[in-house]
Amino acid sequence: MKEKTSKISWLNLEGTPVHIDWWAFQVGTSFFLPCCKCRPLLYEIAKKARKAGVRIASKTVLENNVRGLRIWRID
């Protein structure tokens, strides 16, 4: 089980590994990930959130002149 949760918890942010603790991610909260190519990252996030049993909403945004993804936990 530990290996499976480890694979779900790590994302590839354009070559940089990023750890997401899906089980500590509370409903109604969000996080921002800067990215140039947001579509592949969004696909990976959605796939791993689904495997972790977490429902999310996402939007490509510009925050402080940085393009990226805003991810909210909705359930």
PDB file of N, CA and C in Angstrom:
ATOM      1  N   MET A   1       0.821  -1.194   0.000  1.00  0.00           N
ATOM      2  CA  MET A   1       0.000   0.000   0.000  1.00  0.00           C
ATOM      3  C   MET A   1       0.864   1.258   0.000  1.00  0.00           C
ATOM      4  N   LYS A   2       1.995   1.201   0.713  1.00  0.00           N
ATOM      5  CA  LYS A   2       2.858   2.368   0.802  1.00  0.00           C
ATOM      6  C   LYS A   2       3.379   2.779  -0.573  1.00  0.00           C
ATOM      7  N   GLU A   3       3.762   1.799  -1.412  1.00  0.00           N
ATOM      8  CA  GLU A   3       4.262   2.116  -2.749  1.00  0.00           C
ATOM      9  C   GLU A   3       3.167   2.769  -3.588  1.00  0.00           C
ATOM     10  N   LYS A   4       1.947   2.283  -3.473  1.00  0.00           N
ATOM     11  CA  LYS A   4       0.834   2.837  -4.240  1.00  0.00           C
ATOM     12  C   LYS A   4       0.559   4.279  -3.815  1.00  0.00           C
ATOM     13  N   THR A   5       0.529   4.554  -2.521  1.00  0.00           N
ATOM     14  CA  THR A   5       0.265   5.913  -2.069  1.00  0.00           C
ATOM     15  C   THR A   5       1.419   6.830  -2.432  1.00  0.00           C
ATOM     16  N   SER A   6       2.619   6.299  -2.464  1.00  0.00           N
ATOM     17  CA  SER A   6       3.770   7.102  -2.853  1.00  0.00           C
ATOM     18  C   SER A   6       3.649   7.557  -4.302  1.00  0.00           C
ATOM     19  N   LYS A   7       3.235   6.671  -5.180  1.00  0.00           N
ATOM     20  CA  LYS A   7       3.080   7.018  -6.594  1.00  0.00           C
ATOM     21  C   LYS A   7       1.965   8.045  -6.788  1.00  0.00           C
ATOM     22  N   ILE A   8       0.910   7.959  -6.009  1.00  0.00           N
ATOM     23  CA  ILE A   8      -0.206   8.903  -6.118  1.00  0.00           C
ATOM     24  C   ILE A   8       0.210  10.277  -5.608  1.00  0.00           C
ATOM     25  N   SER A   9       1.081  10.319  -4.627  1.00  0.00           N
ATOM     26  CA  SER A   9       1.432  11.570  -3.960  1.00  0.00           C
ATOM     27  C   SER A   9       2.435  12.437  -4.708  1.00  0.00           C
ATOM     28  N   TRP A  10       3.148  11.893  -5.679  1.00  0.00           N
ATOM     29  CA  TRP A  10       4.173  12.663  -6.383  1.00  0.00           C
ATOM     30  C   TRP A  10       3.727  13.032  -7.786  1.00  0.00           C
ATOM     31  N   LEU A  11       3.931  14.314  -8.135  1.00  0.00           N
ATOM     32  CA  LEU A  11       3.629  14.828  -9.467  1.00  0.00           C
ATOM     33  C   LEU A  11       4.924  15.259 -10.137  1.00  0.00           C
ATOM     34  N   ASN A  12       4.919  15.266 -11.461  1.00  0.00           N
ATOM     35  CA  ASN A  12       6.055  15.760 -12.227  1.00  0.00           C
ATOM     36  C   ASN A  12       5.687  17.160 -12.726  1.00  0.00           C
ATOM     37  N   LEU A  13       6.201  18.178 -12.058  1.00  0.00           N
ATOM     38  CA  LEU A  13       5.917  19.566 -12.422  1.00  0.00           C
ATOM     39  C   LEU A  13       7.005  20.044 -13.375  1.00  0.00           C
ATOM     40  N   GLU A  14       6.842  19.691 -14.654  1.00  0.00           N
ATOM     41  CA  GLU A  14       7.771  20.080 -15.714  1.00  0.00           C
ATOM     42  C   GLU A  14       9.216  19.773 -15.345  1.00  0.00           C
ATOM     43  N   GLY A  15       9.437  18.545 -14.853  1.00  0.00           N
ATOM     44  CA  GLY A  15      10.771  18.087 -14.513  1.00  0.00           C
ATOM     45  C   GLY A  15      11.122  18.178 -13.038  1.00  0.00           C
ATOM     46  N   THR A  16      10.271  18.827 -12.252  1.00  0.00           N
ATOM     47  CA  THR A  16      10.514  18.968 -10.819  1.00  0.00           C
ATOM     48  C   THR A  16       9.502  18.123 -10.054  1.00  0.00           C
ATOM     49  N   PRO A  17       9.952  17.206  -9.201  1.00  0.00           N
ATOM     50  CA  PRO A  17       9.001  16.410  -8.422  1.00  0.00           C
ATOM     51  C   PRO A  17       8.327  17.263  -7.336  1.00  0.00           C
ATOM     52  N   VAL A  18       7.008  17.123  -7.239  1.00  0.00           N
ATOM     53  CA  VAL A  18       6.219  17.860  -6.249  1.00  0.00           C
ATOM     54  C   VAL A  18       5.362  16.861  -5.478  1.00  0.00           C
ATOM     55  N   HIS A  19       5.381  16.960  -4.162  1.00  0.00           N
ATOM     56  CA  HIS A  19       4.601  16.056  -3.311  1.00  0.00           C
ATOM     57  C   HIS A  19       3.263  16.696  -2.956  1.00  0.00           C
ATOM     58  N   ILE A  20       2.183  15.969  -3.178  1.00  0.00           N
ATOM     59  CA  ILE A  20       0.834  16.399  -2.804  1.00  0.00           C
ATOM     60  C   ILE A  20       0.293  15.371  -1.810  1.00  0.00           C
ATOM     61  N   ASP A  21      -0.042  15.804  -0.621  1.00  0.00           N
ATOM     62  CA  ASP A  21      -0.635  14.917   0.384  1.00  0.00           C
ATOM     63  C   ASP A  21      -2.151  14.997   0.228  1.00  0.00           C
ATOM     64  N   TRP A  22      -2.689  14.114  -0.607  1.00  0.00           N
ATOM     65  CA  TRP A  22      -4.120  14.145  -0.924  1.00  0.00           C
ATOM     66  C   TRP A  22      -4.995  13.971   0.309  1.00  0.00           C
ATOM     67  N   TRP A  23      -4.524  13.228   1.294  1.00  0.00           N
ATOM     68  CA  TRP A  23      -5.337  12.930   2.469  1.00  0.00           C
ATOM     69  C   TRP A  23      -5.372  14.094   3.456  1.00  0.00           C
ATOM     70  N   ALA A  24      -4.411  14.999   3.377  1.00  0.00           N
ATOM     71  CA  ALA A  24      -4.404  16.198   4.226  1.00  0.00           C
ATOM     72  C   ALA A  24      -5.067  17.382   3.515  1.00  0.00           C
ATOM     73  N   PHE A  25      -5.354  17.235   2.236  1.00  0.00           N
ATOM     74  CA  PHE A  25      -5.966  18.283   1.416  1.00  0.00           C
ATOM     75  C   PHE A  25      -7.448  18.358   1.761  1.00  0.00           C
ATOM     76  N   GLN A  26      -7.857  19.401   2.481  1.00  0.00           N
ATOM     77  CA  GLN A  26      -9.215  19.501   3.017  1.00  0.00           C
ATOM     78  C   GLN A  26     -10.197  20.098   2.014  1.00  0.00           C
ATOM     79  N   VAL A  27     -11.448  19.701   2.123  1.00  0.00           N
ATOM     80  CA  VAL A  27     -12.519  20.213   1.272  1.00  0.00           C
ATOM     81  C   VAL A  27     -12.610  21.725   1.445  1.00  0.00           C
ATOM     82  N   GLY A  28     -12.686  22.440   0.319  1.00  0.00           N
ATOM     83  CA  GLY A  28     -12.808  23.900   0.336  1.00  0.00           C
ATOM     84  C   GLY A  28     -11.483  24.630   0.261  1.00  0.00           C
ATOM     85  N   THR A  29     -10.367  23.906   0.351  1.00  0.00           N
ATOM     86  CA  THR A  29      -9.064  24.552   0.243  1.00  0.00           C
ATOM     87  C   THR A  29      -8.519  24.386  -1.176  1.00  0.00           C
ATOM     88  N   SER A  30      -7.470  25.141  -1.485  1.00  0.00           N
ATOM     89  CA  SER A  30      -6.891  25.066  -2.823  1.00  0.00           C
ATOM     90  C   SER A  30      -5.379  25.225  -2.743  1.00  0.00           C
ATOM     91  N   PHE A  31      -4.724  24.896  -3.853  1.00  0.00           N
ATOM     92  CA  PHE A  31      -3.297  25.146  -3.989  1.00  0.00           C
ATOM     93  C   PHE A  31      -3.014  25.589  -5.417  1.00  0.00           C
ATOM     94  N   PHE A  32      -1.879  26.260  -5.597  1.00  0.00           N
ATOM     95  CA  PHE A  32      -1.461  26.796  -6.891  1.00  0.00           C
ATOM     96  C   PHE A  32      -0.169  26.125  -7.313  1.00  0.00           C
ATOM     97  N   LEU A  33      -0.109  25.703  -8.568  1.00  0.00           N
ATOM     98  CA  LEU A  33       1.110  25.142  -9.136  1.00  0.00           C
ATOM     99  C   LEU A  33       1.472  25.940 -10.384  1.00  0.00           C
ATOM    100  N   PRO A  34       2.615  26.614 -10.398  1.00  0.00           N
ATOM    101  CA  PRO A  34       3.025  27.343 -11.600  1.00  0.00           C
ATOM    102  C   PRO A  34       3.405  26.354 -12.698  1.00  0.00           C
ATOM    103  N   CYS A  35       3.047  26.676 -13.934  1.00  0.00           N
ATOM    104  CA  CYS A  35       3.391  25.796 -15.045  1.00  0.00           C
ATOM    105  C   CYS A  35       3.306  26.558 -16.359  1.00  0.00           C
ATOM    106  N   CYS A  36       4.107  26.129 -17.314  1.00  0.00           N
ATOM    107  CA  CYS A  36       4.050  26.679 -18.671  1.00  0.00           C
ATOM    108  C   CYS A  36       3.096  25.849 -19.528  1.00  0.00           C
ATOM    109  N   LYS A  37       3.202  24.539 -19.381  1.00  0.00           N
ATOM    110  CA  LYS A  37       2.350  23.600 -20.114  1.00  0.00           C
ATOM    111  C   LYS A  37       1.382  22.988 -19.110  1.00  0.00           C
ATOM    112  N   CYS A  38       0.245  23.629 -18.938  1.00  0.00           N
ATOM    113  CA  CYS A  38      -0.677  23.244 -17.866  1.00  0.00           C
ATOM    114  C   CYS A  38      -1.508  22.006 -18.183  1.00  0.00           C
ATOM    115  N   ARG A  39      -1.806  21.769 -19.438  1.00  0.00           N
ATOM    116  CA  ARG A  39      -2.687  20.649 -19.792  1.00  0.00           C
ATOM    117  C   ARG A  39      -2.133  19.286 -19.355  1.00  0.00           C
ATOM    118  N   PRO A  40      -0.866  18.959 -19.647  1.00  0.00           N
ATOM    119  CA  PRO A  40      -0.353  17.653 -19.182  1.00  0.00           C
ATOM    120  C   PRO A  40      -0.336  17.543 -17.655  1.00  0.00           C
ATOM    121  N   LEU A  41      -0.016  18.633 -16.975  1.00  0.00           N
ATOM    122  CA  LEU A  41      -0.006  18.623 -15.518  1.00  0.00           C
ATOM    123  C   LEU A  41      -1.420  18.417 -14.978  1.00  0.00           C
ATOM    124  N   LEU A  42      -2.394  19.074 -15.565  1.00  0.00           N
ATOM    125  CA  LEU A  42      -3.783  18.919 -15.136  1.00  0.00           C
ATOM    126  C   LEU A  42      -4.247  17.479 -15.320  1.00  0.00           C
ATOM    127  N   TYR A  43      -3.867  16.858 -16.428  1.00  0.00           N
ATOM    128  CA  TYR A  43      -4.228  15.463 -16.675  1.00  0.00           C
ATOM    129  C   TYR A  43      -3.649  14.572 -15.571  1.00  0.00           C
ATOM    130  N   GLU A  44      -2.375  14.803 -15.217  1.00  0.00           N
ATOM    131  CA  GLU A  44      -1.726  14.000 -14.184  1.00  0.00           C
ATOM    132  C   GLU A  44      -2.384  14.224 -12.815  1.00  0.00           C
ATOM    133  N   ILE A  45      -2.687  15.482 -12.491  1.00  0.00           N
ATOM    134  CA  ILE A  45      -3.335  15.797 -11.210  1.00  0.00           C
ATOM    135  C   ILE A  45      -4.700  15.128 -11.125  1.00  0.00           C
ATOM    136  N   ALA A  46      -5.494  15.248 -12.175  1.00  0.00           N
ATOM    137  CA  ALA A  46      -6.837  14.664 -12.174  1.00  0.00           C
ATOM    138  C   ALA A  46      -6.777  13.147 -12.018  1.00  0.00           C
ATOM    139  N   LYS A  47      -5.840  12.514 -12.704  1.00  0.00           N
ATOM    140  CA  LYS A  47      -5.692  11.062 -12.630  1.00  0.00           C
ATOM    141  C   LYS A  47      -5.309  10.613 -11.212  1.00  0.00           C
ATOM    142  N   LYS A  48      -4.364  11.304 -10.598  1.00  0.00           N
ATOM    143  CA  LYS A  48      -3.911  10.919  -9.257  1.00  0.00           C
ATOM    144  C   LYS A  48      -4.938  11.261  -8.186  1.00  0.00           C
ATOM    145  N   ALA A  49      -5.656  12.354  -8.350  1.00  0.00           N
ATOM    146  CA  ALA A  49      -6.724  12.703  -7.403  1.00  0.00           C
ATOM    147  C   ALA A  49      -7.820  11.647  -7.453  1.00  0.00           C
ATOM    148  N   ARG A  50      -8.168  11.209  -8.651  1.00  0.00           N
ATOM    149  CA  ARG A  50      -9.191  10.168  -8.813  1.00  0.00           C
ATOM    150  C   ARG A  50      -8.747   8.878  -8.112  1.00  0.00           C
ATOM    151  N   LYS A  51      -7.491   8.501  -8.274  1.00  0.00           N
ATOM    152  CA  LYS A  51      -6.974   7.295  -7.616  1.00  0.00           C
ATOM    153  C   LYS A  51      -6.979   7.421  -6.096  1.00  0.00           C
ATOM    154  N   ALA A  52      -6.790   8.662  -5.608  1.00  0.00           N
ATOM    155  CA  ALA A  52      -6.791   8.906  -4.156  1.00  0.00           C
ATOM    156  C   ALA A  52      -8.205   9.067  -3.615  1.00  0.00           C
ATOM    157  N   GLY A  53      -9.209   9.077  -4.497  1.00  0.00           N
ATOM    158  CA  GLY A  53     -10.592   9.225  -4.064  1.00  0.00           C
ATOM    159  C   GLY A  53     -10.958  10.656  -3.712  1.00  0.00           C
ATOM    160  N   VAL A  54     -10.276  11.622  -4.332  1.00  0.00           N
ATOM    161  CA  VAL A  54     -10.489  13.041  -4.055  1.00  0.00           C
ATOM    162  C   VAL A  54     -11.096  13.697  -5.290  1.00  0.00           C
ATOM    163  N   ARG A  55     -12.181  14.445  -5.099  1.00  0.00           N
ATOM    164  CA  ARG A  55     -12.790  15.197  -6.207  1.00  0.00           C
ATOM    165  C   ARG A  55     -12.213  16.601  -6.203  1.00  0.00           C
ATOM    166  N   ILE A  56     -11.809  17.070  -7.388  1.00  0.00           N
ATOM    167  CA  ILE A  56     -11.200  18.389  -7.501  1.00  0.00           C
ATOM    168  C   ILE A  56     -11.867  19.204  -8.595  1.00  0.00           C
ATOM    169  N   ALA A  57     -11.660  20.509  -8.519  1.00  0.00           N
ATOM    170  CA  ALA A  57     -11.998  21.436  -9.592  1.00  0.00           C
ATOM    171  C   ALA A  57     -10.711  22.181  -9.904  1.00  0.00           C
ATOM    172  N   SER A  58     -10.545  22.598 -11.142  1.00  0.00           N
ATOM    173  CA  SER A  58      -9.297  23.267 -11.512  1.00  0.00           C
ATOM    174  C   SER A  58      -9.553  24.387 -12.492  1.00  0.00           C
ATOM    175  N   LYS A  59      -8.605  25.312 -12.548  1.00  0.00           N
ATOM    176  CA  LYS A  59      -8.692  26.415 -13.483  1.00  0.00           C
ATOM    177  C   LYS A  59      -7.280  26.907 -13.777  1.00  0.00           C
ATOM    178  N   THR A  60      -6.994  27.190 -15.045  1.00  0.00           N
ATOM    179  CA  THR A  60      -5.738  27.821 -15.411  1.00  0.00           C
ATOM    180  C   THR A  60      -5.874  29.303 -15.093  1.00  0.00           C
ATOM    181  N   VAL A  61      -4.934  29.829 -14.300  1.00  0.00           N
ATOM    182  CA  VAL A  61      -5.034  31.208 -13.815  1.00  0.00           C
ATOM    183  C   VAL A  61      -3.682  31.917 -13.962  1.00  0.00           C
ATOM    184  N   LEU A  62      -3.742  33.235 -13.809  1.00  0.00           N
ATOM    185  CA  LEU A  62      -2.557  34.061 -13.755  1.00  0.00           C
ATOM    186  C   LEU A  62      -2.538  34.704 -12.378  1.00  0.00           C
ATOM    187  N   GLU A  63      -1.567  34.328 -11.544  1.00  0.00           N
ATOM    188  CA  GLU A  63      -1.461  34.868 -10.185  1.00  0.00           C
ATOM    189  C   GLU A  63      -0.110  35.539 -10.027  1.00  0.00           C
ATOM    190  N   ASN A  64      -0.136  36.814  -9.689  1.00  0.00           N
ATOM    191  CA  ASN A  64       1.106  37.601  -9.542  1.00  0.00           C
ATOM    192  C   ASN A  64       1.981  37.481 -10.787  1.00  0.00           C
ATOM    193  N   ASN A  65       1.338  37.564 -11.957  1.00  0.00           N
ATOM    194  CA  ASN A  65       2.006  37.460 -13.260  1.00  0.00           C
ATOM    195  C   ASN A  65       2.667  36.111 -13.504  1.00  0.00           C
ATOM    196  N   VAL A  66       2.194  35.076 -12.837  1.00  0.00           N
ATOM    197  CA  VAL A  66       2.696  33.717 -13.034  1.00  0.00           C
ATOM    198  C   VAL A  66       1.529  32.840 -13.477  1.00  0.00           C
ATOM    199  N   ARG A  67       1.679  32.196 -14.627  1.00  0.00           N
ATOM    200  CA  ARG A  67       0.645  31.301 -15.146  1.00  0.00           C
ATOM    201  C   ARG A  67       0.746  29.961 -14.434  1.00  0.00           C
ATOM    202  N   GLY A  68      -0.406  29.389 -14.108  1.00  0.00           N
ATOM    203  CA  GLY A  68      -0.397  28.096 -13.450  1.00  0.00           C
ATOM    204  C   GLY A  68      -1.789  27.535 -13.259  1.00  0.00           C
ATOM    205  N   LEU A  69      -1.878  26.501 -12.450  1.00  0.00           N
ATOM    206  CA  LEU A  69      -3.141  25.834 -12.162  1.00  0.00           C
ATOM    207  C   LEU A  69      -3.530  26.097 -10.715  1.00  0.00           C
ATOM    208  N   ARG A  70      -4.783  26.429 -10.503  1.00  0.00           N
ATOM    209  CA  ARG A  70      -5.373  26.513  -9.161  1.00  0.00           C
ATOM    210  C   ARG A  70      -6.247  25.278  -9.028  1.00  0.00           C
ATOM    211  N   ILE A  71      -6.010  24.487  -7.995  1.00  0.00           N
ATOM    212  CA  ILE A  71      -6.732  23.242  -7.755  1.00  0.00           C
ATOM    213  C   ILE A  71      -7.490  23.358  -6.442  1.00  0.00           C
ATOM    214  N   TRP A  72      -8.796  23.095  -6.472  1.00  0.00           N
ATOM    215  CA  TRP A  72      -9.646  23.109  -5.267  1.00  0.00           C
ATOM    216  C   TRP A  72     -10.120  21.698  -4.979  1.00  0.00           C
ATOM    217  N   ARG A  73     -10.198  21.350  -3.715  1.00  0.00           N
ATOM    218  CA  ARG A  73     -10.840  20.081  -3.328  1.00  0.00           C
ATOM    219  C   ARG A  73     -12.306  20.377  -3.107  1.00  0.00           C
ATOM    220  N   ILE A  74     -13.165  19.639  -3.799  1.00  0.00           N
ATOM    221  CA  ILE A  74     -14.603  19.901  -3.703  1.00  0.00           C
ATOM    222  C   ILE A  74     -15.363  18.792  -2.986  1.00  0.00           C
ATOM    223  N   ASP A  75     -14.733  17.657  -2.735  1.00  0.00           N
ATOM    224  CA  ASP A  75     -15.417  16.562  -2.027  1.00  0.00           C
ATOM    225  C   ASP A  75     -14.416  15.624  -1.427  1.00  0.00           C
TER     226      ASP A  75
END
